[in-house]
Amino acid sequence: MSQRDESHNEKLTEQDVSRLLTDPSVDNRAGTVEKLGRVLENTRLSDSERRIAEDIFRTLARDMEVRVRQALSESIRHNPDVPHDIAEGLARDVAEVATPVLESSAVLTDADLMDIVQSKPIDYSAAIARRSTVSEAVSDALAETGDVDVIATLMGNDGAQIADATFDKVVDRHGDDPRVNDPMIGRRHLPLRTAERLVALVSDQLRQRLLTRHELPADVAADILTTGRERATMGLVGPLAGQTDVMALVDALHANGRLTDTIIIRALCMGDTVFFETALAKRAGIPVSNAFKLIHDRGDLALERLFDSAEMPEDLLPVARVGVEVADELADTAGDDRTQIRKKTIERVLTQLDETIDPDNFDYLINRLGRRSRTAVDADSPR
């Protein structure tokens, strides 16, 4: 007879019942729990036998000894037929008792799990994050804990269903933490928006892994690589760089086809108005002095006309307006404090454009606006 058949023929004897209810030995009670688990799983139990087994489970679930309750939790963790009150009671017990059920029991509902996440210590959330399947609602509740270890476990769990809004929340709060972004990149599927935003926050090694693992579209991958290159390029332009140095850099970038829409806007938002003015002048084919007058004109039309002449995307014009506005306001107070200029520019851009992304991911917004304009132009072009 196979082990499976023996298990199916196993019965709870009167001796078992008597020993469980009367023998004070912890070893006896804990040792018999495994047999009880097999008995409850036995589909050949009569209704009365099943009721007896469930009553004994309820008695054991109230046992004073943690070891007994822990053994019970282990014995029923994979049993989908355990009564809900037993599974829920164990799930709210001390952590060593709750963990097996929280990790595995299909009897627990999303409502049970979310309530436990919100009301119990973080160890309980960690166990839930390890479940073979996690719903979007439970994943969002786990993300709300703010605990990096729990969130890292969730991100590394491919059985967890995670909504785009939850991914956004995690990137906003923890996207630059390798403990979180590494398992995110390792997921089988990652939303394109999330992948794009992560690129600006991760190391070069993880960035390459992100591009290859998630098969980003060619244009998006190009944008991502361009972002890193452009940020490095702008780092070459120090606050003390003279007009001659800036013009030489702009000429070189233009000659190599790298004086892009996004590098020009990125420079302005980083507080480098000289590069912005010089680059637009180069693209429009006019003297820098003329570009300066058009850019800093109090009216709205001049900058718009210059943008048009320089063939800059229309969607980036609002960003440019804000950048120039901030630069003019802070010219007398901020001096060359580019950190202050960048911070103020980004804050005002996000407010005026009604954007809710994290300021640290401003590069994502610039890429998105630039790509949206290019897509619109391509769509309007004659075939």
Protein backbone atom coordinates (compact mmCIF):
# COMPACT_ATOMS: atom_id res chain seq x y z
CA MET A 1 0.00 0.00 0.00
CA SER A 2 1.39 3.37 -0.96
CA GLN A 3 2.05 6.15 1.51
CA ARG A 4 -0.76 8.11 -0.15
CA ASP A 5 -3.23 5.26 0.42
CA GLU A 6 -2.10 4.91 4.02
CA SER A 7 -2.73 8.58 4.51
CA HIS A 8 -6.19 8.25 3.03
CA ASN A 9 -6.99 5.35 5.30
CA GLU A 10 -5.67 7.11 8.40
CA LYS A 11 -8.32 7.71 11.05
CA LEU A 12 -8.40 9.66 14.24
CA THR A 13 -8.84 7.03 16.94
CA GLU A 14 -10.50 7.41 20.32
CA GLN A 15 -7.05 6.93 21.84
CA ASP A 16 -5.76 9.90 19.82
CA VAL A 17 -8.65 12.05 20.98
CA SER A 18 -8.23 11.03 24.61
CA ARG A 19 -4.50 11.57 24.56
CA LEU A 20 -4.84 15.00 22.96
CA LEU A 21 -7.47 16.24 25.38
CA THR A 22 -6.09 14.78 28.60
CA ASP A 23 -2.34 14.18 28.33
CA PRO A 24 -0.57 17.30 29.62
CA SER A 25 2.64 16.43 27.78
CA VAL A 26 3.67 19.15 25.31
CA ASP A 27 5.64 16.60 23.31
CA ASN A 28 2.54 14.45 22.92
CA ARG A 29 0.28 17.29 21.83
CA ALA A 30 2.81 18.74 19.39
CA GLY A 31 3.71 15.31 18.02
CA THR A 32 0.11 14.39 17.29
CA VAL A 33 -0.67 17.60 15.41
CA GLU A 34 0.99 16.28 12.23
CA LYS A 35 -1.38 13.30 12.22
CA LEU A 36 -4.31 15.63 12.72
CA GLY A 37 -3.24 17.63 9.70
CA ARG A 38 -3.22 14.53 7.55
CA VAL A 39 -6.59 13.46 8.92
CA LEU A 40 -8.24 16.76 8.05
CA GLU A 41 -6.91 16.53 4.50
CA ASN A 42 -8.36 13.04 4.11
CA THR A 43 -11.32 13.41 1.74
CA ARG A 44 -12.75 10.10 2.96
CA LEU A 45 -13.62 11.47 6.39
CA SER A 46 -17.27 11.40 7.26
CA ASP A 47 -18.95 14.64 8.28
CA SER A 48 -18.89 13.64 11.92
CA GLU A 49 -15.22 12.67 11.79
CA ARG A 50 -14.34 15.98 10.12
CA ARG A 51 -16.23 17.90 12.80
CA ILE A 52 -14.30 16.02 15.50
CA ALA A 53 -10.99 16.86 13.82
CA GLU A 54 -11.92 20.53 13.44
CA ASP A 55 -12.99 20.75 17.09
CA ILE A 56 -9.67 19.34 18.15
CA PHE A 57 -7.89 21.85 15.92
CA ARG A 58 -9.78 24.65 17.63
CA THR A 59 -8.75 23.27 21.01
CA LEU A 60 -5.11 23.08 19.95
CA ALA A 61 -5.27 26.60 18.49
CA ARG A 62 -5.95 27.80 22.08
CA ASP A 63 -3.19 25.70 23.61
CA MET A 64 -1.05 27.62 26.08
CA GLU A 65 2.15 26.22 24.57
CA VAL A 66 3.52 28.12 21.57
CA ARG A 67 5.22 24.95 20.36
CA VAL A 68 1.89 23.19 19.99
CA ARG A 69 0.26 26.08 18.14
CA GLN A 70 3.30 26.41 15.90
CA ALA A 71 3.12 22.73 15.01
CA LEU A 72 -0.57 23.17 14.23
CA SER A 73 0.17 26.14 11.97
CA GLU A 74 2.79 24.14 10.08
CA SER A 75 0.44 21.20 9.69
CA ILE A 76 -2.39 23.19 8.08
CA ARG A 77 -0.44 25.80 6.09
CA HIS A 78 -1.13 24.10 2.73
CA ASN A 79 -4.62 22.77 3.50
CA PRO A 80 -7.33 24.74 1.63
CA ASP A 81 -10.12 23.05 3.60
CA VAL A 82 -9.19 24.33 7.05
CA PRO A 83 -12.06 26.35 8.58
CA HIS A 84 -11.46 30.07 8.20
CA ASP A 85 -11.68 30.85 11.91
CA ILE A 86 -8.83 28.44 12.68
CA ALA A 87 -6.53 29.82 9.97
CA GLU A 88 -7.30 33.43 10.84
CA GLY A 89 -6.78 32.84 14.55
CA LEU A 90 -3.36 31.30 13.92
CA ALA A 91 -2.47 34.13 11.52
CA ARG A 92 -3.01 36.65 14.33
CA ASP A 93 -1.07 34.62 16.92
CA VAL A 94 2.52 35.35 17.92
CA ALA A 95 4.89 35.62 14.95
CA GLU A 96 6.39 32.12 15.15
CA VAL A 97 2.88 30.65 15.09
CA ALA A 98 1.48 33.02 12.48
CA THR A 99 4.33 32.83 9.97
CA PRO A 100 3.59 29.42 8.33
CA VAL A 101 -0.07 30.29 7.79
CA LEU A 102 0.69 33.83 6.61
CA GLU A 103 3.22 32.50 4.10
CA SER A 104 1.06 29.75 2.63
CA SER A 105 -2.59 29.45 3.64
CA ALA A 106 -5.06 29.99 0.82
CA VAL A 107 -7.84 30.16 3.40
CA LEU A 108 -6.90 33.70 4.40
CA THR A 109 -8.69 36.41 2.42
CA ASP A 110 -7.25 39.67 1.09
CA ALA A 111 -9.22 41.47 3.80
CA ASP A 112 -7.56 39.27 6.45
CA LEU A 113 -4.10 39.89 5.03
CA MET A 114 -4.49 43.67 4.64
CA ASP A 115 -5.82 44.01 8.16
CA ILE A 116 -2.87 42.03 9.51
CA VAL A 117 -0.45 44.23 7.52
CA GLN A 118 -1.99 47.32 9.04
CA SER A 119 -2.37 46.08 12.60
CA LYS A 120 0.50 43.69 13.28
CA PRO A 121 4.30 44.12 13.59
CA ILE A 122 6.42 44.18 10.45
CA ASP A 123 7.40 40.47 10.74
CA TYR A 124 3.84 39.58 9.76
CA SER A 125 4.04 41.74 6.63
CA ALA A 126 7.36 40.11 5.72
CA ALA A 127 5.71 36.69 5.83
CA ILE A 128 2.82 37.87 3.66
CA ALA A 129 5.26 39.33 1.11
CA ARG A 130 6.69 35.81 0.68
CA ARG A 131 3.36 34.20 -0.33
CA SER A 132 3.37 32.39 -3.65
CA THR A 133 0.60 34.69 -4.84
CA VAL A 134 -0.17 38.20 -3.62
CA SER A 135 -3.02 40.31 -4.97
CA GLU A 136 -2.62 43.91 -6.14
CA ALA A 137 -4.53 45.19 -3.11
CA VAL A 138 -2.33 43.31 -0.65
CA SER A 139 0.82 44.35 -2.53
CA ASP A 140 -0.20 47.98 -2.22
CA ALA A 141 -0.78 47.55 1.51
CA LEU A 142 2.69 46.02 1.84
CA ALA A 143 4.21 48.92 -0.09
CA GLU A 144 2.54 51.33 2.30
CA THR A 145 4.43 49.84 5.25
CA GLY A 146 7.50 51.73 4.10
CA ASP A 147 9.72 48.91 5.35
CA VAL A 148 12.56 48.42 2.87
CA ASP A 149 13.02 44.72 3.63
CA VAL A 150 9.33 43.97 3.15
CA ILE A 151 9.19 45.98 -0.07
CA ALA A 152 12.36 44.36 -1.39
CA THR A 153 10.85 40.93 -0.72
CA LEU A 154 7.63 41.94 -2.48
CA MET A 155 9.52 43.30 -5.50
CA GLY A 156 11.46 40.05 -5.76
CA ASN A 157 8.30 37.94 -5.62
CA ASP A 158 7.15 37.23 -9.19
CA GLY A 159 3.97 35.72 -7.77
CA ALA A 160 2.95 39.15 -6.50
CA GLN A 161 0.59 41.12 -8.68
CA ILE A 162 1.60 44.77 -8.46
CA ALA A 163 -0.37 47.67 -9.92
CA ASP A 164 1.36 50.43 -11.88
CA ALA A 165 0.40 52.93 -9.18
CA THR A 166 2.11 50.77 -6.56
CA PHE A 167 5.26 50.57 -8.67
CA ASP A 168 5.18 54.37 -8.96
CA LYS A 169 4.87 54.68 -5.20
CA VAL A 170 7.81 52.36 -4.60
CA VAL A 171 10.01 54.17 -7.13
CA ASP A 172 9.08 57.54 -5.61
CA ARG A 173 10.09 56.45 -2.12
CA HIS A 174 12.75 53.79 -2.59
CA GLY A 175 13.80 53.80 -6.25
CA ASP A 176 17.38 54.78 -5.46
CA ASP A 177 17.84 52.02 -2.88
CA PRO A 178 19.68 49.01 -4.36
CA ARG A 179 17.86 46.70 -1.94
CA VAL A 180 14.66 47.63 -3.76
CA ASN A 181 15.63 48.47 -7.34
CA ASP A 182 17.74 45.31 -7.81
CA PRO A 183 14.84 42.87 -7.21
CA MET A 184 12.53 45.15 -9.21
CA ILE A 185 14.79 44.87 -12.23
CA GLY A 186 14.89 41.10 -11.72
CA ARG A 187 11.11 40.73 -12.09
CA ARG A 188 9.79 38.83 -15.10
CA HIS A 189 7.64 41.81 -16.04
CA LEU A 190 8.10 45.47 -15.24
CA PRO A 191 5.84 48.25 -16.61
CA LEU A 192 7.58 50.39 -19.21
CA ARG A 193 6.95 53.55 -17.20
CA THR A 194 8.61 52.01 -14.16
CA ALA A 195 11.58 50.77 -16.17
CA GLU A 196 12.09 54.24 -17.65
CA ARG A 197 12.00 55.91 -14.26
CA LEU A 198 14.40 53.42 -12.71
CA VAL A 199 17.04 54.10 -15.31
CA ALA A 200 17.97 57.48 -13.85
CA LEU A 201 18.28 55.99 -10.36
CA VAL A 202 20.32 52.83 -10.77
CA SER A 203 23.98 52.05 -11.37
CA ASP A 204 25.39 51.57 -14.87
CA GLN A 205 25.49 47.81 -14.33
CA LEU A 206 21.85 47.65 -13.28
CA ARG A 207 20.88 50.04 -16.08
CA GLN A 208 22.30 47.69 -18.68
CA ARG A 209 20.52 44.76 -17.03
CA LEU A 210 17.29 46.74 -17.07
CA LEU A 211 17.58 47.49 -20.77
CA THR A 212 18.32 43.90 -21.76
CA ARG A 213 16.02 42.04 -19.37
CA HIS A 214 12.85 44.01 -20.05
CA GLU A 215 13.33 44.51 -23.79
CA LEU A 216 12.48 48.19 -23.85
CA PRO A 217 11.48 49.59 -27.26
CA ALA A 218 14.40 50.86 -29.29
CA ASP A 219 13.39 54.52 -28.98
CA VAL A 220 13.01 54.26 -25.21
CA ALA A 221 16.35 52.49 -24.84
CA ALA A 222 17.96 55.22 -26.93
CA ASP A 223 16.40 57.88 -24.71
CA ILE A 224 17.71 56.14 -21.62
CA LEU A 225 21.25 55.91 -22.91
CA THR A 226 21.04 59.50 -24.12
CA THR A 227 19.93 60.66 -20.67
CA GLY A 228 23.02 59.24 -19.02
CA ARG A 229 25.29 60.70 -21.68
CA GLU A 230 23.63 64.12 -21.52
CA ARG A 231 23.88 64.32 -17.76
CA ALA A 232 27.56 63.44 -17.97
CA THR A 233 28.05 66.07 -20.67
CA MET A 234 26.41 68.79 -18.61
CA GLY A 235 28.72 67.87 -15.76
CA LEU A 236 31.58 69.11 -17.95
CA VAL A 237 30.16 72.63 -17.88
CA GLY A 238 31.19 74.06 -14.54
CA PRO A 239 29.68 77.24 -13.09
CA LEU A 240 32.87 79.15 -13.93
CA ALA A 241 32.97 78.14 -17.60
CA GLY A 242 33.30 81.13 -19.90
CA GLN A 243 31.26 81.94 -22.99
CA THR A 244 34.06 80.73 -25.24
CA ASP A 245 34.16 77.32 -23.55
CA VAL A 246 30.39 76.97 -23.74
CA MET A 247 30.33 77.93 -27.41
CA ALA A 248 33.03 75.36 -28.15
CA LEU A 249 31.03 72.65 -26.41
CA VAL A 250 27.81 73.64 -28.19
CA ASP A 251 29.58 73.66 -31.57
CA ALA A 252 31.00 70.19 -30.92
CA LEU A 253 27.66 68.77 -29.82
CA HIS A 254 25.90 70.29 -32.82
CA ALA A 255 28.51 68.95 -35.23
CA ASN A 256 28.06 65.45 -33.80
CA GLY A 257 24.26 65.58 -33.79
CA ARG A 258 24.15 65.59 -30.00
CA LEU A 259 22.77 69.08 -29.38
CA THR A 260 19.42 67.50 -28.56
CA ASP A 261 16.15 69.02 -27.37
CA THR A 262 16.52 67.34 -24.00
CA ILE A 263 20.11 68.36 -23.31
CA ILE A 264 19.15 72.00 -23.94
CA ILE A 265 16.21 71.85 -21.50
CA ARG A 266 18.24 69.82 -19.01
CA ALA A 267 20.92 72.52 -19.00
CA LEU A 268 18.37 75.24 -18.27
CA CYS A 269 16.82 73.26 -15.43
CA MET A 270 20.28 72.71 -13.95
CA GLY A 271 20.75 76.48 -13.85
CA ASP A 272 23.02 76.74 -16.89
CA THR A 273 21.29 79.58 -18.74
CA VAL A 274 24.44 80.39 -20.73
CA PHE A 275 24.41 76.94 -22.33
CA PHE A 276 20.65 77.25 -22.94
CA GLU A 277 21.03 80.62 -24.66
CA THR A 278 24.05 79.51 -26.71
CA ALA A 279 22.41 76.24 -27.77
CA LEU A 280 19.19 77.88 -28.94
CA ALA A 281 21.20 80.49 -30.83
CA LYS A 282 23.15 77.72 -32.56
CA ARG A 283 20.02 75.78 -33.47
CA ALA A 284 18.24 78.92 -34.73
CA GLY A 285 21.32 80.24 -36.59
CA ILE A 286 21.35 83.63 -34.84
CA PRO A 287 23.87 85.48 -32.63
CA VAL A 288 23.85 84.58 -28.95
CA SER A 289 23.05 88.21 -28.08
CA ASN A 290 19.86 88.01 -30.13
CA ALA A 291 18.88 84.73 -28.49
CA PHE A 292 19.50 86.29 -25.08
CA LYS A 293 17.07 89.15 -25.83
CA LEU A 294 14.38 86.79 -27.14
CA ILE A 295 14.74 84.41 -24.19
CA HIS A 296 14.55 87.06 -21.50
CA ASP A 297 11.86 89.18 -23.16
CA ARG A 298 8.91 89.78 -20.82
CA GLY A 299 6.37 88.73 -23.44
CA ASP A 300 5.42 85.17 -24.29
CA LEU A 301 5.79 85.41 -28.05
CA ALA A 302 9.56 85.91 -28.32
CA LEU A 303 10.58 82.64 -26.68
CA GLU A 304 7.90 80.78 -28.60
CA ARG A 305 9.21 82.13 -31.91
CA LEU A 306 12.78 81.25 -30.94
CA PHE A 307 11.66 77.72 -30.04
CA ASP A 308 10.06 77.41 -33.44
CA SER A 309 13.17 78.65 -35.24
CA ALA A 310 15.34 76.26 -33.24
CA GLU A 311 12.96 73.39 -34.03
CA MET A 312 12.44 72.65 -30.34
CA PRO A 313 9.47 70.48 -29.27
CA GLU A 314 6.37 72.46 -28.36
CA ASP A 315 5.76 70.30 -25.28
CA LEU A 316 9.07 71.48 -23.79
CA LEU A 317 8.14 75.17 -24.12
CA PRO A 318 6.29 75.36 -20.76
CA VAL A 319 9.35 73.88 -19.06
CA ALA A 320 11.58 76.45 -20.74
CA ARG A 321 9.31 79.31 -19.70
CA VAL A 322 9.46 78.24 -16.07
CA GLY A 323 13.23 77.73 -16.22
CA VAL A 324 13.82 81.19 -17.62
CA GLU A 325 11.40 82.72 -15.12
CA VAL A 326 13.21 81.12 -12.19
CA ALA A 327 16.64 82.01 -13.57
CA ASP A 328 15.61 85.67 -13.89
CA GLU A 329 14.12 85.74 -10.39
CA LEU A 330 17.18 84.20 -8.78
CA ALA A 331 19.81 86.03 -10.86
CA ASP A 332 20.42 88.57 -8.11
CA THR A 333 20.10 86.21 -5.13
CA ALA A 334 21.19 82.70 -6.06
CA GLY A 335 24.27 83.62 -8.07
CA ASP A 336 25.87 80.39 -9.29
CA ASP A 337 24.02 78.18 -6.79
CA ARG A 338 22.76 75.73 -9.39
CA THR A 339 21.36 73.39 -6.77
CA GLN A 340 18.95 76.10 -5.63
CA ILE A 341 18.06 77.03 -9.21
CA ARG A 342 17.43 73.39 -10.17
CA LYS A 343 15.32 72.77 -7.07
CA LYS A 344 13.17 75.85 -7.62
CA THR A 345 12.80 75.17 -11.35
CA ILE A 346 11.72 71.58 -10.90
CA GLU A 347 9.27 72.42 -8.12
CA ARG A 348 7.61 75.10 -10.22
CA VAL A 349 7.54 73.00 -13.39
CA LEU A 350 5.83 70.11 -11.60
CA THR A 351 3.32 72.50 -10.05
CA GLN A 352 2.45 74.35 -13.25
CA LEU A 353 2.26 71.20 -15.35
CA ASP A 354 0.21 69.48 -12.64
CA GLU A 355 2.73 66.63 -12.52
CA THR A 356 2.96 64.33 -9.50
CA ILE A 357 6.25 62.54 -10.18
CA ASP A 358 9.05 62.73 -7.68
CA PRO A 359 11.50 65.63 -8.32
CA ASP A 360 14.36 63.12 -8.39
CA ASN A 361 12.81 61.65 -11.54
CA PHE A 362 12.64 64.92 -13.46
CA ASP A 363 14.72 63.38 -16.25
CA TYR A 364 11.83 61.00 -16.88
CA LEU A 365 9.46 63.94 -17.43
CA ILE A 366 11.83 65.65 -19.85
CA ASN A 367 12.26 62.45 -21.88
CA ARG A 368 8.53 61.84 -21.91
CA LEU A 369 7.67 65.34 -23.11
CA GLY A 370 10.37 65.24 -25.74
CA ARG A 371 9.27 61.82 -26.99
CA ARG A 372 5.61 62.87 -27.06
CA SER A 373 6.44 65.79 -29.32
CA ARG A 374 8.55 63.67 -31.63
CA THR A 375 5.74 61.12 -31.90
CA ALA A 376 3.25 63.85 -32.77
CA VAL A 377 5.56 65.22 -35.45
CA ASP A 378 6.09 61.77 -36.94
CA ALA A 379 2.33 61.18 -37.00
CA ASP A 380 1.71 64.45 -38.86
CA SER A 381 4.48 63.88 -41.38
CA PRO A 382 3.38 62.79 -44.88
CA ARG A 383 3.92 59.13 -45.60
